[in-house]
């Protein structure tokens, strides 16, 4: 393939406008808190909520900790009181959530609200098209907050233009590099500007005793087994080498990312990091619930993920040091950045403007009236008061206020057992309107770079398309590629074996997928 015949499009015609909008969620990451519209606002139903029997709600959500809020806890109880509901929470460890989701879907025994991590998941697409979930788009106009849903994100989160759930809003330019600022200073280096700089920093973090304890017990970057849909370390790194975001455009046609030479170049870089022990050797089985631990515990110096995680890492390091009497409250131990520059300049992996859906199954929410009550609950969760409660708990018990800023309790066990994770049911529509923690320089910087990152994001030109082939064979096809790339990185297969796996992908439905996606792409271009 000639070099000049190739072009990875960073903005496809079908999704150009997606880059012009950012959904406020500067701290809305895996453990972040955020704030939507008050339950105390006027009920949208003609009958006042307090005169109705409480609505029973079963909600299935991912959890990133081993501890989690119980149904009878004070925060859940307060949410119930303000929304006239009885809530049962089914928590599922994040790392195993996709499997549990598919099992639950197959069982037919669905909760009232279920978090859908991947709208394009074949199981969900098939279920939605067969009528298993309410199509909520036409109802949102009746609710104060949900009616302000972003049209671009509604499109991105749709299936054939229909919305089978309420999206959870996120910033578009959210991904990047988080690193130990104190370690960088300890090894006498500056923030990386190029891929080579980045490699050299990881090497220094392993070899130059960045924590100054005299032991050979550190490494560069921690990675986890979770591949995610838009935030795995590799999916960010591959863009630095010029690889596309899932699909690229070559000579006017869509090409899967793994068929590009840049993708292979990125994989070879990852293998080099693994071979030199600059990343954790157990990354293929490392639980995402523990992703932050090696950075907080002075084992690793870098996490590539959402940049708002920097503030959470920094907070935890401060808490750990404070317990030892070694904290320096006025400094930041963590810093962040959009990325490093490769041959094609600075590139960033965008989100779709949302992180999954909160879908409402028809098997458990049987009538239109019940649907409207569930939507009213989700609408109320967007109020400033309820967003704050779900994100930070109750004032005086889980946090205090310093001016308009939230100061969370230092009792981490209390927060884990009564608060953390409840923010997973916050839509953040139209934006995060809740109270926030004090906007430290690091948090202000995060907001700034997430906005700046929008101009560098590489869009997926095929994102709006729903593929019948992928609906039927997507899980199998994805597993072939994910397994092959992990085996290549850890040395269980060589380049020939990798290419054999790519051929298996083609014969297992990949060729049919490419043809179908190009038919859809050509239809849009007409």
Protein backbone atom coordinates (compact mmCIF):
# COMPACT_ATOMS: atom_id res chain seq x y z
CA UNK A 1 0.00 0.00 0.00
CA UNK A 2 1.43 3.34 -0.97
CA UNK A 3 1.96 5.72 1.86
CA UNK A 4 0.34 8.68 0.15
CA UNK A 5 -2.78 6.67 -0.69
CA UNK A 6 -3.62 6.32 2.94
CA UNK A 7 -5.37 8.67 5.30
CA UNK A 8 -6.82 8.05 8.74
CA UNK A 9 -9.71 10.44 9.01
CA UNK A 10 -9.93 12.17 12.35
CA UNK A 11 -13.36 13.56 11.67
CA UNK A 12 -15.82 11.64 9.52
CA UNK A 13 -18.69 13.41 7.80
CA UNK A 14 -21.08 11.35 9.83
CA UNK A 15 -19.63 12.47 13.15
CA UNK A 16 -18.03 15.86 12.62
CA UNK A 17 -20.39 17.68 14.91
CA UNK A 18 -19.57 15.29 17.74
CA UNK A 19 -16.28 17.11 18.19
CA UNK A 20 -17.89 20.45 18.76
CA UNK A 21 -19.69 19.46 21.91
CA UNK A 22 -18.31 18.49 25.28
CA UNK A 23 -20.37 17.12 28.10
CA UNK A 24 -19.37 18.44 31.50
CA UNK A 25 -17.93 15.68 33.65
CA UNK A 26 -14.53 16.87 34.68
CA UNK A 27 -14.47 14.50 37.59
CA UNK A 28 -16.94 11.93 36.48
CA UNK A 29 -14.65 8.96 36.06
CA UNK A 30 -14.78 5.50 37.44
CA UNK A 31 -15.09 6.69 41.00
CA UNK A 32 -15.90 10.30 40.34
CA UNK A 33 -18.88 12.18 41.62
CA UNK A 34 -21.16 14.42 39.66
CA UNK A 35 -24.46 16.27 40.03
CA UNK A 36 -27.85 16.36 38.20
CA UNK A 37 -31.45 17.91 38.81
CA UNK A 38 -33.23 17.89 42.16
CA UNK A 39 -35.78 15.42 43.27
CA UNK A 40 -37.37 18.25 45.13
CA UNK A 41 -38.21 19.90 41.81
CA UNK A 42 -41.84 19.79 40.78
CA UNK A 43 -42.99 16.30 39.78
CA UNK A 44 -43.69 15.93 36.09
CA UNK A 45 -46.65 13.65 36.72
CA UNK A 46 -50.02 15.20 37.40
CA UNK A 47 -50.28 13.33 40.70
CA UNK A 48 -47.79 14.57 43.33
CA UNK A 49 -45.11 11.96 43.93
CA UNK A 50 -45.79 11.81 47.66
CA UNK A 51 -49.36 10.65 47.01
CA UNK A 52 -48.21 7.67 44.96
CA UNK A 53 -46.95 4.40 46.37
CA UNK A 54 -43.14 4.29 46.22
CA UNK A 55 -41.77 2.92 42.96
CA UNK A 56 -39.82 -0.32 43.33
CA UNK A 57 -36.55 -0.03 41.42
CA UNK A 58 -33.98 -2.76 40.89
CA UNK A 59 -30.78 -1.27 39.45
CA UNK A 60 -27.77 -3.23 38.13
CA UNK A 61 -24.50 -1.27 38.16
CA UNK A 62 -20.73 -1.86 37.99
CA UNK A 63 -18.63 -1.38 41.12
CA UNK A 64 -14.90 -0.63 41.21
CA UNK A 65 -14.31 -1.55 44.84
CA UNK A 66 -14.77 -4.70 46.91
CA UNK A 67 -17.07 -2.77 49.25
CA UNK A 68 -20.22 -0.96 48.17
CA UNK A 69 -23.31 0.90 49.42
CA UNK A 70 -26.10 -1.30 50.81
CA UNK A 71 -29.80 -0.84 50.08
CA UNK A 72 -30.56 0.32 53.62
CA UNK A 73 -27.59 2.68 53.86
CA UNK A 74 -28.17 6.35 54.70
CA UNK A 75 -27.37 7.70 51.23
CA UNK A 76 -29.58 5.23 49.37
CA UNK A 77 -32.33 5.89 51.93
CA UNK A 78 -32.08 9.64 51.31
CA UNK A 79 -32.28 9.15 47.54
CA UNK A 80 -35.35 6.96 48.05
CA UNK A 81 -36.98 9.61 50.21
CA UNK A 82 -36.39 12.37 47.66
CA UNK A 83 -37.54 10.30 44.68
CA UNK A 84 -40.36 8.27 46.29
CA UNK A 85 -38.73 4.95 45.43
CA UNK A 86 -37.64 1.67 47.00
CA UNK A 87 -34.23 0.91 45.50
CA UNK A 88 -32.47 -2.44 45.32
CA UNK A 89 -28.92 -2.25 43.98
CA UNK A 90 -27.27 -5.19 42.27
CA UNK A 91 -23.55 -4.50 42.24
CA UNK A 92 -21.29 -6.32 39.77
CA UNK A 93 -17.46 -6.07 39.81
CA UNK A 94 -16.44 -3.92 36.84
CA UNK A 95 -13.96 -6.45 35.46
CA UNK A 96 -16.66 -9.12 35.14
CA UNK A 97 -19.54 -6.79 34.27
CA UNK A 98 -19.64 -7.58 30.50
CA UNK A 99 -19.99 -11.30 31.23
CA UNK A 100 -22.62 -10.74 33.92
CA UNK A 101 -24.49 -8.38 31.59
CA UNK A 102 -24.70 -11.02 28.86
CA UNK A 103 -25.75 -13.71 31.33
CA UNK A 104 -28.46 -11.46 32.79
CA UNK A 105 -29.69 -10.55 29.33
CA UNK A 106 -29.91 -14.21 28.35
CA UNK A 107 -31.74 -15.13 31.55
CA UNK A 108 -34.62 -12.78 30.82
CA UNK A 109 -34.71 -11.80 34.53
CA UNK A 110 -33.82 -8.14 34.15
CA UNK A 111 -33.80 -5.27 36.66
CA UNK A 112 -35.78 -2.04 36.26
CA UNK A 113 -32.65 -0.19 35.17
CA UNK A 114 -29.56 -1.93 33.80
CA UNK A 115 -26.29 -0.26 32.95
CA UNK A 116 -25.27 -1.09 29.37
CA UNK A 117 -21.49 -0.60 29.00
CA UNK A 118 -21.44 -1.03 25.22
CA UNK A 119 -24.38 0.10 23.10
CA UNK A 120 -22.99 -1.85 20.14
CA UNK A 121 -22.73 -5.07 22.16
CA UNK A 122 -24.34 -7.67 19.88
CA UNK A 123 -26.40 -9.12 22.70
CA UNK A 124 -27.83 -5.71 23.56
CA UNK A 125 -28.42 -4.73 19.93
CA UNK A 126 -30.32 -7.94 19.27
CA UNK A 127 -32.36 -7.58 22.46
CA UNK A 128 -33.17 -3.93 21.74
CA UNK A 129 -34.23 -4.65 18.16
CA UNK A 130 -36.41 -7.53 19.34
CA UNK A 131 -38.30 -5.18 21.66
CA UNK A 132 -36.74 -6.11 25.02
CA UNK A 133 -36.04 -2.47 25.98
CA UNK A 134 -38.09 0.70 25.92
CA UNK A 135 -37.22 3.21 23.20
CA UNK A 136 -37.02 6.34 25.36
CA UNK A 137 -36.20 9.07 22.82
CA UNK A 138 -39.75 10.31 22.31
CA UNK A 139 -40.39 10.57 26.06
CA UNK A 140 -37.41 12.72 27.10
CA UNK A 141 -39.03 16.00 26.04
CA UNK A 142 -41.42 15.69 28.99
CA UNK A 143 -38.71 15.93 31.66
CA UNK A 144 -36.85 19.10 32.75
CA UNK A 145 -33.31 17.69 32.61
CA UNK A 146 -33.58 14.79 30.18
CA UNK A 147 -35.17 17.09 27.62
CA UNK A 148 -31.81 18.87 27.43
CA UNK A 149 -29.98 15.74 26.22
CA UNK A 150 -27.33 16.53 23.61
CA UNK A 151 -28.52 15.62 20.10
CA UNK A 152 -25.06 14.54 18.94
CA UNK A 153 -24.61 12.20 21.89
CA UNK A 154 -28.15 10.92 21.41
CA UNK A 155 -27.12 10.01 17.86
CA UNK A 156 -23.85 8.42 18.97
CA UNK A 157 -25.67 6.33 21.58
CA UNK A 158 -28.50 5.25 19.28
CA UNK A 159 -29.18 2.02 17.45
CA UNK A 160 -30.44 2.81 13.95
CA UNK A 161 -31.44 6.24 15.23
CA UNK A 162 -33.43 4.89 18.20
CA UNK A 163 -32.43 5.43 21.82
CA UNK A 164 -32.87 2.38 24.01
CA UNK A 165 -31.70 4.04 27.19
CA UNK A 166 -30.58 7.26 28.85
CA UNK A 167 -26.91 7.99 28.11
CA UNK A 168 -24.37 8.85 30.83
CA UNK A 169 -22.67 12.03 29.63
CA UNK A 170 -18.89 12.34 29.57
CA UNK A 171 -16.27 14.71 28.19
CA UNK A 172 -15.18 13.94 24.62
CA UNK A 173 -11.47 14.66 25.13
CA UNK A 174 -11.15 12.72 28.34
CA UNK A 175 -8.28 10.28 27.70
CA UNK A 176 -4.57 10.78 28.22
CA UNK A 177 -1.57 10.17 30.48
CA UNK A 178 -1.45 10.35 34.28
CA UNK A 179 1.99 10.14 35.88
CA UNK A 180 3.86 10.53 39.18
CA UNK A 181 5.15 14.09 39.05
CA UNK A 182 7.37 13.54 42.09
CA UNK A 183 8.96 10.51 40.43
CA UNK A 184 9.68 12.47 37.28
CA UNK A 185 11.43 15.12 39.35
CA UNK A 186 13.32 12.42 41.29
CA UNK A 187 14.83 10.96 38.11
CA UNK A 188 15.63 14.43 36.76
CA UNK A 189 13.44 14.34 33.68
CA UNK A 190 10.89 16.59 32.00
CA UNK A 191 7.36 15.62 30.90
CA UNK A 192 7.55 13.55 27.70
CA UNK A 193 6.97 15.15 24.32
CA UNK A 194 7.62 12.19 22.00
CA UNK A 195 7.12 8.42 22.05
CA UNK A 196 10.84 8.00 22.72
CA UNK A 197 10.61 10.39 25.66
CA UNK A 198 7.72 8.36 27.04
CA UNK A 199 9.68 5.11 26.73
CA UNK A 200 12.71 6.66 28.43
CA UNK A 201 10.58 7.82 31.36
CA UNK A 202 9.13 4.34 31.86
CA UNK A 203 12.68 2.95 31.77
CA UNK A 204 13.86 5.52 34.31
CA UNK A 205 10.92 4.73 36.59
CA UNK A 206 12.07 1.10 36.62
CA UNK A 207 15.81 1.57 36.85
CA UNK A 208 16.50 4.82 38.72
CA UNK A 209 14.79 4.20 42.05
CA UNK A 210 12.23 7.01 41.68
CA UNK A 211 10.81 6.49 45.18
CA UNK A 212 14.34 6.63 46.66
CA UNK A 213 13.95 3.61 48.91
CA UNK A 214 17.11 1.92 47.68
CA UNK A 215 15.21 -1.10 46.33
CA UNK A 216 14.61 -2.42 42.83
CA UNK A 217 10.83 -2.51 43.29
CA UNK A 218 9.33 -0.08 40.77
CA UNK A 219 8.24 -0.21 37.13
CA UNK A 220 6.96 2.23 34.54
CA UNK A 221 3.26 1.76 33.78
CA UNK A 222 0.42 -0.30 35.21
CA UNK A 223 -2.04 -1.87 32.78
CA UNK A 224 -5.14 -3.98 33.41
CA UNK A 225 -7.02 -6.80 31.69
CA UNK A 226 -10.02 -4.56 30.98
CA UNK A 227 -9.93 -3.49 27.33
CA UNK A 228 -12.93 -1.21 27.63
CA UNK A 229 -14.52 0.33 24.59
CA UNK A 230 -12.61 3.58 24.49
CA UNK A 231 -10.14 3.75 27.32
CA UNK A 232 -7.70 0.88 27.40
CA UNK A 233 -4.05 1.88 27.50
CA UNK A 234 -3.28 0.24 24.18
CA UNK A 235 -6.24 1.87 22.42
CA UNK A 236 -4.79 5.26 23.36
CA UNK A 237 -1.17 4.39 22.61
CA UNK A 238 -1.90 2.97 19.14
CA UNK A 239 -3.05 6.42 17.97
CA UNK A 240 0.40 7.83 18.75
CA UNK A 241 1.74 5.59 15.99
CA UNK A 242 -0.85 6.75 13.48
CA UNK A 243 -3.21 3.79 13.79
CA UNK A 244 -6.91 4.59 13.34
CA UNK A 245 -9.61 4.46 15.99
CA UNK A 246 -11.22 1.05 15.28
CA UNK A 247 -11.71 1.88 11.59
CA UNK A 248 -9.56 3.94 9.24
CA UNK A 249 -10.25 5.24 5.74
CA UNK A 250 -7.90 4.01 3.01
CA UNK A 251 -8.55 5.06 -0.60
CA UNK A 252 -12.08 6.04 0.35
CA UNK A 253 -12.92 2.74 2.03
CA UNK A 254 -13.14 1.62 5.64
CA UNK A 255 -10.37 -0.65 6.92
CA UNK A 256 -10.23 -2.36 10.35
CA UNK A 257 -7.50 -0.90 12.53
CA UNK A 258 -5.67 -4.21 13.00
CA UNK A 259 -5.07 -4.50 9.25
CA UNK A 260 -2.90 -1.36 9.25
CA UNK A 261 0.90 -1.39 9.60
CA UNK A 262 0.65 1.31 12.27
CA UNK A 263 -1.37 -1.03 14.50
CA UNK A 264 1.38 -3.65 14.27
CA UNK A 265 4.01 -1.00 15.02
CA UNK A 266 2.11 -0.03 18.17
CA UNK A 267 1.86 -3.69 19.22
CA UNK A 268 5.62 -4.10 18.80
CA UNK A 269 6.12 -1.08 21.07
CA UNK A 270 3.88 -2.69 23.70
CA UNK A 271 5.81 -5.95 23.41
CA UNK A 272 9.04 -4.04 23.96
CA UNK A 273 7.61 -2.51 27.15
CA UNK A 274 6.55 -5.95 28.33
CA UNK A 275 9.85 -7.65 27.45
CA UNK A 276 11.81 -5.00 29.34
CA UNK A 277 9.43 -5.28 32.32
CA UNK A 278 8.43 -1.65 32.04
CA UNK A 279 4.78 -2.67 32.45
CA UNK A 280 3.34 -5.12 34.96
CA UNK A 281 3.88 -8.69 33.80
CA UNK A 282 0.40 -9.73 34.98
CA UNK A 283 -1.49 -7.05 33.04
CA UNK A 284 -3.53 -9.65 31.14
CA UNK A 285 -5.16 -10.78 34.40
CA UNK A 286 -4.80 -7.62 36.52
CA UNK A 287 -8.18 -6.51 37.91
CA UNK A 288 -9.24 -2.98 36.94
CA UNK A 289 -10.60 -2.52 40.49
CA UNK A 290 -6.96 -2.36 41.58
CA UNK A 291 -5.71 -0.19 38.70
CA UNK A 292 -4.77 2.76 40.90
CA UNK A 293 -3.14 0.76 43.68
CA UNK A 294 0.39 0.34 42.21
CA UNK A 295 0.66 4.10 41.57
CA UNK A 296 -0.57 5.01 45.04
CA UNK A 297 1.66 2.34 46.64
CA UNK A 298 4.90 3.46 44.95
CA UNK A 299 5.15 0.52 42.56
CA UNK A 300 4.30 2.11 39.20
CA UNK A 301 4.56 5.64 37.86
CA UNK A 302 2.08 5.88 34.97
CA UNK A 303 -1.54 5.11 34.13
CA UNK A 304 -2.90 5.77 30.65
CA UNK A 305 -6.64 6.23 31.01
CA UNK A 306 -9.03 9.13 31.64
CA UNK A 307 -7.10 12.23 32.70
CA UNK A 308 -9.56 13.08 35.48
CA UNK A 309 -8.18 10.03 37.27
CA UNK A 310 -5.12 12.15 38.09
CA UNK A 311 -6.99 14.03 40.81
CA UNK A 312 -8.28 10.82 42.35
CA UNK A 313 -4.78 9.34 42.34
CA UNK A 314 -3.40 12.50 43.91
CA UNK A 315 -6.06 12.49 46.62
CA UNK A 316 -5.29 8.88 47.53
CA UNK A 317 -1.56 9.47 47.72
CA UNK A 318 -2.17 12.43 50.03
CA UNK A 319 -4.45 10.29 52.21
CA UNK A 320 -1.88 7.49 52.40
CA UNK A 321 0.96 9.86 53.27
CA UNK A 322 -1.18 11.72 55.81
CA UNK A 323 -1.72 8.48 57.73
CA UNK A 324 2.07 8.09 57.90
CA UNK A 325 2.57 11.72 58.89
CA UNK A 326 4.53 12.37 55.68
CA UNK A 327 2.04 14.36 53.59
CA UNK A 328 2.87 17.64 51.91
CA UNK A 329 -0.64 19.08 51.39
CA UNK A 330 0.40 21.91 49.10
CA UNK A 331 2.03 19.84 46.37
CA UNK A 332 0.66 17.56 43.65
CA UNK A 333 2.16 14.10 43.42
CA UNK A 334 0.38 13.41 40.13
CA UNK A 335 0.31 15.33 36.85
CA UNK A 336 -1.44 14.64 33.56
CA UNK A 337 -1.25 15.44 29.86
CA UNK A 338 -3.07 14.72 26.61
CA UNK A 339 -0.37 12.52 25.11
CA UNK A 340 2.89 12.47 23.18
CA UNK A 341 3.68 13.27 19.58
CA UNK A 342 4.35 10.56 17.02
CA UNK A 343 4.93 10.70 13.25
CA UNK A 344 1.42 12.03 12.70
CA UNK A 345 1.50 14.63 15.46
CA UNK A 346 -0.45 14.66 18.71
CA UNK A 347 -3.46 12.34 18.64
CA UNK A 348 -6.01 11.61 21.34
CA UNK A 349 -8.66 8.93 21.74
CA UNK A 350 -12.12 10.48 22.09
CA UNK A 351 -15.04 9.18 24.00
CA UNK A 352 -18.39 9.11 22.28
CA UNK A 353 -19.59 11.79 24.68
CA UNK A 354 -21.18 9.13 26.83
CA UNK A 355 -20.18 6.16 28.97
CA UNK A 356 -22.83 3.56 28.41
CA UNK A 357 -26.59 3.68 28.81
CA UNK A 358 -29.08 3.25 31.62
CA UNK A 359 -31.57 1.02 29.83
CA UNK A 360 -35.10 0.12 30.94
CA UNK A 361 -36.28 -3.43 30.16
CA UNK A 362 -39.90 -4.00 29.19
CA UNK A 363 -40.02 -7.29 31.08
CA UNK A 364 -39.67 -5.51 34.43
CA UNK A 365 -41.11 -2.08 33.59
CA UNK A 366 -44.29 -3.24 31.89
CA UNK A 367 -46.41 -0.15 31.27
CA UNK A 368 -45.87 3.27 29.79
CA UNK A 369 -46.88 4.84 33.10
CA UNK A 370 -44.19 2.82 34.91
CA UNK A 371 -41.67 3.82 32.24
CA UNK A 372 -42.45 7.48 32.86
CA UNK A 373 -41.90 7.01 36.59
CA UNK A 374 -38.51 5.39 35.96
CA UNK A 375 -37.57 8.21 33.59
CA UNK A 376 -38.72 10.71 36.19
CA UNK A 377 -36.34 9.08 38.68
CA UNK A 378 -33.44 9.37 36.21
CA UNK A 379 -34.47 12.97 35.51
CA UNK A 380 -34.42 13.78 39.22
CA UNK A 381 -30.95 12.25 39.57
CA UNK A 382 -29.70 15.08 37.35
CA UNK A 383 -30.64 17.69 39.91
CA UNK A 384 -27.79 19.47 41.70
CA UNK A 385 -28.95 18.09 45.05
CA UNK A 386 -29.26 14.45 44.05
CA UNK A 387 -26.12 14.47 41.95
CA UNK A 388 -24.25 15.74 44.97
CA UNK A 389 -25.82 13.11 47.23
CA UNK A 390 -25.06 10.24 44.82
CA UNK A 391 -21.53 11.54 44.30
CA UNK A 392 -20.50 12.62 47.78
CA UNK A 393 -23.13 11.44 50.25
CA UNK A 394 -24.75 13.47 53.01
CA UNK A 395 -23.39 16.77 54.26
CA UNK A 396 -22.02 16.49 57.78
CA UNK A 397 -21.58 12.72 57.57
CA UNK A 398 -19.75 12.01 54.32
CA UNK A 399 -18.53 15.50 53.46
CA UNK A 400 -18.36 19.03 54.74
CA UNK A 401 -18.37 22.25 52.77
CA UNK A 402 -15.63 24.81 52.39
CA UNK A 403 -17.39 27.68 50.67
CA UNK A 404 -19.13 26.00 47.75
CA UNK A 405 -16.62 23.17 47.62
CA UNK A 406 -17.11 19.64 48.90
CA UNK A 407 -14.54 18.30 51.36
CA UNK A 408 -14.99 14.49 51.45
CA UNK A 409 -14.57 12.58 54.68
CA UNK A 410 -11.18 11.00 55.20
CA UNK A 411 -12.94 7.83 56.36
CA UNK A 412 -12.45 5.83 53.17
CA UNK A 413 -14.18 2.76 54.59
CA UNK A 414 -17.27 4.85 55.31
CA UNK A 415 -17.32 6.32 51.81
CA UNK A 416 -16.85 2.93 50.18
CA UNK A 417 -19.62 1.30 52.20
CA UNK A 418 -22.19 4.10 51.88
CA UNK A 419 -21.38 6.38 48.89
CA UNK A 420 -18.89 5.29 46.25
CA UNK A 421 -20.46 3.72 43.20
CA UNK A 422 -23.84 5.43 43.48
CA UNK A 423 -22.65 7.97 40.91
CA UNK A 424 -22.76 5.15 38.35
CA UNK A 425 -26.50 5.83 37.96
CA UNK A 426 -26.06 9.53 37.22
CA UNK A 427 -26.82 10.59 33.62
CA UNK A 428 -25.17 14.04 33.91
CA UNK A 429 -27.72 15.54 31.53
CA UNK A 430 -27.33 18.23 30.39
CA UNK A 431 -24.11 18.40 32.45
CA UNK A 432 -22.64 17.90 35.89
CA UNK A 433 -24.57 20.40 37.99
CA UNK A 434 -23.65 19.14 41.43
CA UNK A 435 -21.28 20.44 44.02
CA UNK A 436 -17.65 19.64 43.37
CA UNK A 437 -14.54 19.20 45.41
CA UNK A 438 -12.26 22.18 45.64
CA UNK A 439 -10.92 22.93 42.18
CA UNK A 440 -7.24 22.43 42.82
CA UNK A 441 -4.70 23.41 40.17
CA UNK A 442 -4.64 19.77 39.02
CA UNK A 443 -8.44 19.64 38.58
CA UNK A 444 -8.45 22.96 36.76
CA UNK A 445 -5.67 21.70 34.50
CA UNK A 446 -7.64 18.51 33.81
CA UNK A 447 -10.66 20.50 32.69
CA UNK A 448 -8.40 22.59 30.46
CA UNK A 449 -6.60 19.70 28.76
CA UNK A 450 -9.81 17.74 28.24
CA UNK A 451 -11.17 20.69 26.31
CA UNK A 452 -7.89 21.12 24.39
CA UNK A 453 -7.86 17.42 23.53
CA UNK A 454 -10.96 17.82 21.36
CA UNK A 455 -8.86 19.31 18.56
CA UNK A 456 -6.57 16.26 18.55
CA UNK A 457 -9.10 13.44 18.79
CA UNK A 458 -9.28 10.72 16.16
CA UNK A 459 -12.92 9.90 15.53
CA UNK A 460 -14.16 6.47 14.52
CA UNK A 461 -15.79 7.03 11.12
CA UNK A 462 -17.93 3.92 11.57
CA UNK A 463 -19.32 4.78 15.00
CA UNK A 464 -22.92 5.53 13.94
CA UNK A 465 -23.30 2.29 12.00
CA UNK A 466 -25.08 -0.78 13.36
CA UNK A 467 -23.80 -3.91 11.69
CA UNK A 468 -25.89 -7.06 11.42
CA UNK A 469 -22.72 -9.11 11.10
CA UNK A 470 -21.27 -7.55 14.23
CA UNK A 471 -24.53 -8.07 16.10
CA UNK A 472 -24.23 -11.80 15.40
CA UNK A 473 -20.47 -12.35 15.48
CA UNK A 474 -18.97 -9.28 17.16
CA UNK A 475 -18.10 -10.98 20.44
CA UNK A 476 -16.24 -13.77 18.64
CA UNK A 477 -14.46 -11.37 16.29
CA UNK A 478 -13.38 -9.05 19.12
CA UNK A 479 -12.10 -11.99 21.16
CA UNK A 480 -9.95 -13.20 18.27
CA UNK A 481 -8.20 -9.82 18.04
CA UNK A 482 -7.93 -9.17 21.79
CA UNK A 483 -6.51 -12.65 22.47
CA UNK A 484 -4.05 -12.35 19.60
CA UNK A 485 -2.71 -8.99 20.66
CA UNK A 486 -2.25 -10.08 24.28
CA UNK A 487 -0.44 -13.25 23.18
CA UNK A 488 1.80 -11.19 20.91
CA UNK A 489 2.66 -8.70 23.64
CA UNK A 490 3.54 -11.41 26.17
CA UNK A 491 5.47 -13.49 23.62
CA UNK A 492 3.11 -16.46 23.35
CA UNK A 493 2.89 -15.91 19.59
CA UNK A 494 5.07 -14.20 17.00
CA UNK A 495 4.24 -11.91 14.10
CA UNK A 496 3.36 -14.87 11.88
CA UNK A 497 0.98 -16.16 14.54
CA UNK A 498 -0.56 -12.72 14.87
CA UNK A 499 -1.21 -12.58 11.14
CA UNK A 500 -2.68 -16.08 11.24
CA UNK A 501 -5.13 -14.84 13.87
CA UNK A 502 -6.01 -11.90 11.63
CA UNK A 503 -6.76 -14.37 8.82
CA UNK A 504 -8.94 -16.36 11.22
CA UNK A 505 -10.78 -13.12 11.97
CA UNK A 506 -11.45 -12.61 8.26
CA UNK A 507 -12.74 -16.16 7.75
CA UNK A 508 -14.87 -16.02 10.92
CA UNK A 509 -16.97 -13.17 9.62
CA UNK A 510 -14.47 -10.33 9.42
CA UNK A 511 -14.62 -10.12 5.63
CA UNK A 512 -18.41 -9.97 5.79
CA UNK A 513 -18.17 -7.24 8.43
CA UNK A 514 -15.81 -5.14 6.31
CA UNK A 515 -18.12 -5.43 3.30
CA UNK A 516 -21.19 -4.50 5.30
CA UNK A 517 -19.50 -1.53 6.99
CA UNK A 518 -18.32 -0.23 3.64
CA UNK A 519 -21.81 -0.54 2.22
CA UNK A 520 -23.12 1.54 5.13
CA UNK A 521 -20.27 4.03 4.74
CA UNK A 522 -20.87 4.39 1.00
CA UNK A 523 -24.58 4.98 1.58
CA UNK A 524 -23.83 7.85 3.97
CA UNK A 525 -21.37 9.45 1.53
CA UNK A 526 -23.92 9.55 -1.32
